Protein backbone atom coordinates (compact mmCIF):
# COMPACT_ATOMS: atom_id res chain seq x y z
CA MET A 1 30.29 -8.84 120.98
CA GLN A 2 30.53 -5.17 120.66
CA HIS A 3 31.69 -3.21 123.47
CA SER A 4 30.28 0.58 123.57
CA TYR A 5 31.99 3.08 125.64
CA MET A 6 30.78 6.95 126.34
CA VAL A 7 33.47 9.24 125.63
CA TYR A 8 33.17 13.06 126.95
CA SER A 9 35.44 15.37 125.94
CA ALA A 10 36.36 18.47 127.92
CA GLY A 11 34.29 20.58 125.58
CA GLY A 12 31.08 19.02 126.39
CA GLU A 13 30.86 16.68 123.33
CA CYS A 14 29.83 13.22 124.03
CA TYR A 15 30.15 10.15 121.62
CA VAL A 16 30.06 6.53 121.57
CA GLU A 17 33.23 4.26 121.06
CA THR A 18 32.60 0.79 120.03
CA THR A 19 35.18 -1.97 119.75
CA PRO A 20 34.70 -5.53 118.91
CA THR A 21 36.82 -6.64 121.96
CA PRO A 22 37.24 -5.23 125.44
CA MET A 23 39.51 -1.84 124.92
CA GLU A 24 43.07 -2.05 125.57
CA LEU A 25 45.37 0.07 127.68
CA GLU A 26 46.94 1.85 124.84
CA GLN A 27 43.35 2.57 123.24
CA LEU A 28 42.33 4.14 126.68
CA GLN A 29 45.51 6.11 126.75
CA THR A 30 44.84 7.64 123.16
CA LEU A 31 41.55 8.64 124.05
CA VAL A 32 42.46 10.49 127.32
CA GLY A 33 45.68 11.74 125.96
CA GLY A 34 48.24 10.33 128.53
CA TYR A 35 48.40 7.68 131.47
CA ILE A 36 45.17 6.49 132.84
CA GLU A 37 43.60 6.58 136.16
CA MET A 38 40.39 4.42 136.81
CA HIS A 39 37.58 5.78 139.19
CA ARG A 40 34.46 3.90 140.50
CA TYR A 41 31.66 6.36 139.88
CA GLY A 42 28.47 4.82 140.83
CA ASP A 43 27.62 1.61 138.87
CA PHE A 44 30.21 2.43 136.33
CA THR A 45 33.77 3.01 136.19
CA VAL A 46 35.62 5.78 134.29
CA ALA A 47 39.13 6.39 132.82
CA VAL A 48 40.81 9.51 132.99
CA ASN A 49 44.35 11.31 132.26
CA GLU A 50 46.04 10.52 135.27
CA GLU A 51 48.10 13.99 135.08
CA GLY A 52 45.02 16.12 133.70
CA ARG A 53 45.19 18.62 136.67
CA LEU A 54 49.09 18.88 136.64
CA ARG A 55 49.08 19.54 132.72
CA GLY A 56 46.46 22.10 133.16
CA LEU A 57 43.89 20.03 131.03
CA PRO A 58 40.16 21.75 131.02
CA VAL A 59 37.75 20.72 133.18
CA ASN A 60 35.48 18.10 131.80
CA GLN A 61 31.84 19.52 131.48
CA GLN A 62 30.04 16.39 132.43
CA PHE A 63 32.61 15.22 135.07
CA PRO A 64 33.78 18.69 136.55
CA GLU A 65 35.88 16.70 139.23
CA PHE A 66 38.07 15.28 136.27
CA ARG A 67 40.12 17.42 133.60
CA GLY A 68 40.53 16.52 129.93
CA THR A 69 38.40 13.44 128.27
CA VAL A 70 36.63 10.75 130.29
CA VAL A 71 35.66 7.44 129.11
CA GLN A 72 32.93 5.74 130.89
CA GLY A 73 32.62 1.78 130.89
CA VAL A 74 31.95 -0.97 133.45
CA VAL A 75 34.57 -3.13 134.75
CA ASN A 76 33.82 -6.81 134.94
CA GLU A 77 34.71 -9.75 137.35
CA ASP A 78 37.77 -10.35 135.69
CA GLY A 79 38.86 -6.55 135.74
CA GLU A 80 38.26 -5.76 132.21
CA PHE A 81 36.94 -2.39 131.11
CA ILE A 82 34.20 -3.84 129.08
CA GLY A 83 32.13 -0.55 128.08
C-alpha cells in the first residue's frame, strides 16, 4: 500500500511525497528541516518544524500560521502518520 503526503514548501511549491510504508520520524524531520510538531488541522494533521518561528524560517504560503515546510497527512487509530 502506498502512502501519499502533500508537502508545502514555504515558497509556495507543493508536491506529493509517496512512500511504501508510513513515514518514519526521521523522514518527517528531513522534510521539515528539524524537530517536528504535529497539529490537527480540520480533517487532517500537519507536521511542521517545531522551531520554525525561533529559527526565523519563512512563513508558509498555504499555512500562514506555520513557518517553513508543512507536511500534510492523516493520523490513523494507531497514531501513525499515514498520508
